[in-house]
Amino acid sequence: MKIKALGALAGLALLAACSSNPTSTASNTGTGAETATGPAPGSEQDLVANVGDRVFYAFNKSTLSSDADATLGKQAAWLAKYPSVNVLIAGNADDRGTETYNLALGQRRANAARDYLVAQGVAASRIQTISYGKDCPVAPGNDESAWAQNRNAITSVQGFNPQNCK
């Protein structure tokens, strides 16, 4: 009888040991699944890392290149996957030209990117545009390399401002 009772107690002890919560240990050490898998799905970091957040334009142009089409196509697919995400597209220009001209050019660039996304099925109500003109360069410098990087449209998840512009 005592052996059966001891066996039953040993079985209960084993079951109790198996019922501990291993996820609490993992989350306390900072090794949870979120950090192991990368950026949170649908986040700004996910957009940048897995899709690409910017397209580039030729000097004095607002027409999309084939590279821009490819990036915007990925953005459209990403936005279809995350229908609750709204975005801001910021159009930019290099520092040559007047303030007025560059604001208008930046707006045309942002609109071109928006129009592409809308043509791919993204609801226009999910997209806002803004032009920073030449006021928010992403690359410092006064040469063709810097100018080429500053002629862009940058897509960001609403509420995130990758250029830190006001």
Protein backbone atom coordinates (compact mmCIF):
# COMPACT_ATOMS: atom_id res chain seq x y z
CA MET A 1 0.00 0.00 0.00
CA LYS A 2 2.72 2.42 0.96
CA ILE A 3 4.52 1.77 -2.32
CA LYS A 4 1.39 2.61 -4.31
CA ALA A 5 0.90 5.82 -2.30
CA LEU A 6 4.54 6.80 -2.81
CA GLY A 7 4.21 6.07 -6.53
CA ALA A 8 1.09 8.24 -6.76
CA LEU A 9 2.82 11.10 -4.92
CA ALA A 10 5.85 10.82 -7.19
CA GLY A 11 3.56 10.97 -10.25
CA LEU A 12 1.84 14.09 -8.89
CA ALA A 13 5.21 15.70 -8.21
CA LEU A 14 6.29 15.04 -11.81
CA LEU A 15 3.05 16.53 -13.16
CA ALA A 16 3.47 19.61 -10.98
CA ALA A 17 7.02 20.09 -12.25
CA CYS A 18 5.84 19.87 -15.86
CA SER A 19 3.17 22.52 -15.33
CA SER A 20 5.64 25.39 -14.85
CA ASN A 21 5.39 28.30 -17.34
CA PRO A 22 8.53 28.33 -19.50
CA THR A 23 7.45 31.45 -21.42
CA SER A 24 7.70 33.59 -18.29
CA THR A 25 11.35 32.61 -17.95
CA ALA A 26 12.00 33.43 -21.61
CA SER A 27 10.32 36.81 -21.41
CA ASN A 28 12.21 37.72 -18.27
CA THR A 29 15.52 37.10 -19.99
CA GLY A 30 14.60 39.07 -23.10
CA THR A 31 14.78 36.06 -25.40
CA GLY A 32 11.09 35.93 -26.32
CA ALA A 33 9.90 35.11 -29.82
CA GLU A 34 9.48 38.76 -30.84
CA THR A 35 13.16 39.58 -30.60
CA ALA A 36 14.16 36.35 -32.30
CA THR A 37 11.96 36.95 -35.35
CA GLY A 38 12.84 40.57 -36.16
CA PRO A 39 10.63 43.62 -36.46
CA ALA A 40 6.98 43.48 -35.49
CA PRO A 41 4.80 42.69 -38.51
CA GLY A 42 3.16 45.82 -39.94
CA SER A 43 5.57 48.18 -38.17
CA GLU A 44 7.74 50.94 -39.65
CA GLN A 45 10.77 48.73 -39.00
CA ASP A 46 9.11 45.87 -40.91
CA LEU A 47 8.42 48.16 -43.87
CA VAL A 48 12.01 49.42 -43.98
CA ALA A 49 13.69 46.03 -43.43
CA ASN A 50 11.51 43.81 -45.60
CA VAL A 51 10.07 46.05 -48.31
CA GLY A 52 11.96 49.34 -48.67
CA ASP A 53 10.64 52.75 -47.73
CA ARG A 54 11.97 55.03 -50.47
CA VAL A 55 12.06 55.56 -54.18
CA PHE A 56 14.43 57.85 -56.06
CA TYR A 57 13.94 60.26 -58.94
CA ALA A 58 16.07 61.72 -61.69
CA PHE A 59 17.05 65.38 -61.57
CA ASN A 60 14.08 67.69 -62.02
CA LYS A 61 11.71 64.71 -62.58
CA SER A 62 8.75 63.17 -60.82
CA THR A 63 8.28 60.14 -63.07
CA LEU A 64 8.85 56.70 -61.61
CA SER A 65 11.76 54.55 -62.72
CA SER A 66 11.54 50.76 -63.05
CA ASP A 67 13.36 50.47 -59.70
CA ALA A 68 10.76 52.76 -58.13
CA ASP A 69 7.95 50.67 -59.66
CA ALA A 70 9.46 47.54 -58.11
CA THR A 71 9.75 49.10 -54.65
CA LEU A 72 6.27 50.58 -54.78
CA GLY A 73 4.90 47.22 -55.94
CA LYS A 74 6.37 45.64 -52.79
CA GLN A 75 4.89 48.45 -50.70
CA ALA A 76 1.46 47.86 -52.24
CA ALA A 77 1.65 44.14 -51.42
CA TRP A 78 2.79 44.95 -47.87
CA LEU A 79 -0.07 47.40 -47.41
CA ALA A 80 -2.53 44.77 -48.69
CA LYS A 81 -1.19 42.42 -46.03
CA TYR A 82 -1.68 45.05 -43.30
CA PRO A 83 -4.98 46.80 -44.15
CA SER A 84 -5.10 48.75 -40.87
CA VAL A 85 -1.77 50.50 -41.57
CA ASN A 86 -1.91 54.04 -42.96
CA VAL A 87 1.12 55.72 -44.47
CA LEU A 88 2.63 59.12 -45.13
CA ILE A 89 4.60 59.68 -48.32
CA ALA A 90 7.08 62.56 -48.06
CA GLY A 91 8.37 64.02 -51.32
CA ASN A 92 11.84 65.55 -51.30
CA ALA A 93 14.18 67.42 -53.62
CA ASP A 94 17.86 68.21 -53.64
CA ASP A 95 19.01 71.67 -52.59
CA ARG A 96 19.26 73.15 -56.07
CA GLY A 97 16.41 75.39 -57.17
CA THR A 98 14.12 77.75 -55.32
CA GLU A 99 12.14 76.86 -52.23
CA THR A 100 8.85 77.24 -54.09
CA TYR A 101 9.97 75.12 -57.04
CA ASN A 102 11.33 72.34 -54.80
CA LEU A 103 8.19 72.22 -52.65
CA ALA A 104 6.11 71.74 -55.80
CA LEU A 105 8.54 69.12 -57.16
CA GLY A 106 8.51 67.23 -53.85
CA GLN A 107 4.71 67.22 -53.91
CA ARG A 108 4.67 65.85 -57.47
CA ARG A 109 7.05 63.08 -56.36
CA ALA A 110 4.92 62.18 -53.35
CA ASN A 111 1.80 62.22 -55.53
CA ALA A 112 3.43 59.96 -58.13
CA ALA A 113 4.22 57.38 -55.44
CA ARG A 114 0.71 57.69 -53.98
CA ASP A 115 -0.91 57.33 -57.39
CA TYR A 116 1.07 54.15 -58.05
CA LEU A 117 -0.06 52.61 -54.74
CA VAL A 118 -3.68 53.59 -55.40
CA ALA A 119 -3.49 52.05 -58.89
CA GLN A 120 -2.33 48.83 -57.19
CA GLY A 121 -5.46 48.76 -55.01
CA VAL A 122 -4.41 50.63 -51.87
CA ALA A 123 -7.24 52.88 -50.70
CA ALA A 124 -6.38 56.55 -51.20
CA SER A 125 -7.80 57.26 -47.74
CA ARG A 126 -4.90 55.28 -46.23
CA ILE A 127 -2.25 57.52 -47.79
CA GLN A 128 -1.30 61.08 -46.90
CA THR A 129 1.33 63.08 -48.76
CA ILE A 130 3.58 65.95 -47.82
CA SER A 131 6.41 67.80 -49.51
CA TYR A 132 9.50 68.88 -47.64
CA GLY A 133 11.08 70.26 -50.80
CA LYS A 134 14.75 70.78 -50.06
CA ASP A 135 14.24 71.44 -46.33
CA CYS A 136 14.79 67.89 -45.07
CA PRO A 137 17.77 66.29 -46.81
CA VAL A 138 18.58 62.70 -45.91
CA ALA A 139 22.16 62.95 -47.17
CA PRO A 140 24.47 65.86 -46.35
CA GLY A 141 26.67 67.21 -49.06
CA ASN A 142 26.75 69.35 -52.12
CA ASP A 143 27.61 66.83 -54.83
CA GLU A 144 25.78 64.48 -57.19
CA SER A 145 25.92 61.56 -54.74
CA ALA A 146 24.13 63.53 -52.01
CA TRP A 147 21.71 65.15 -54.45
CA ALA A 148 20.71 61.74 -55.87
CA GLN A 149 19.86 60.45 -52.39
CA ASN A 150 17.81 63.56 -51.60
CA ARG A 151 15.63 63.27 -54.72
CA ASN A 152 13.17 60.81 -53.22
CA ALA A 153 9.78 59.94 -51.86
CA ILE A 154 9.83 58.22 -48.48
CA THR A 155 6.90 56.08 -47.32
CA SER A 156 6.48 55.75 -43.57
CA VAL A 157 3.87 54.26 -41.27
CA GLN A 158 1.59 57.04 -39.97
CA GLY A 159 2.99 58.49 -36.77
CA PHE A 160 6.58 57.73 -37.66
CA ASN A 161 8.81 60.46 -39.08
CA PRO A 162 12.04 58.95 -40.43
CA GLN A 163 13.35 62.35 -41.53
CA ASN A 164 12.54 64.06 -38.22
CA CYS A 165 10.98 66.94 -40.13
CA LYS A 166 8.27 69.23 -38.86
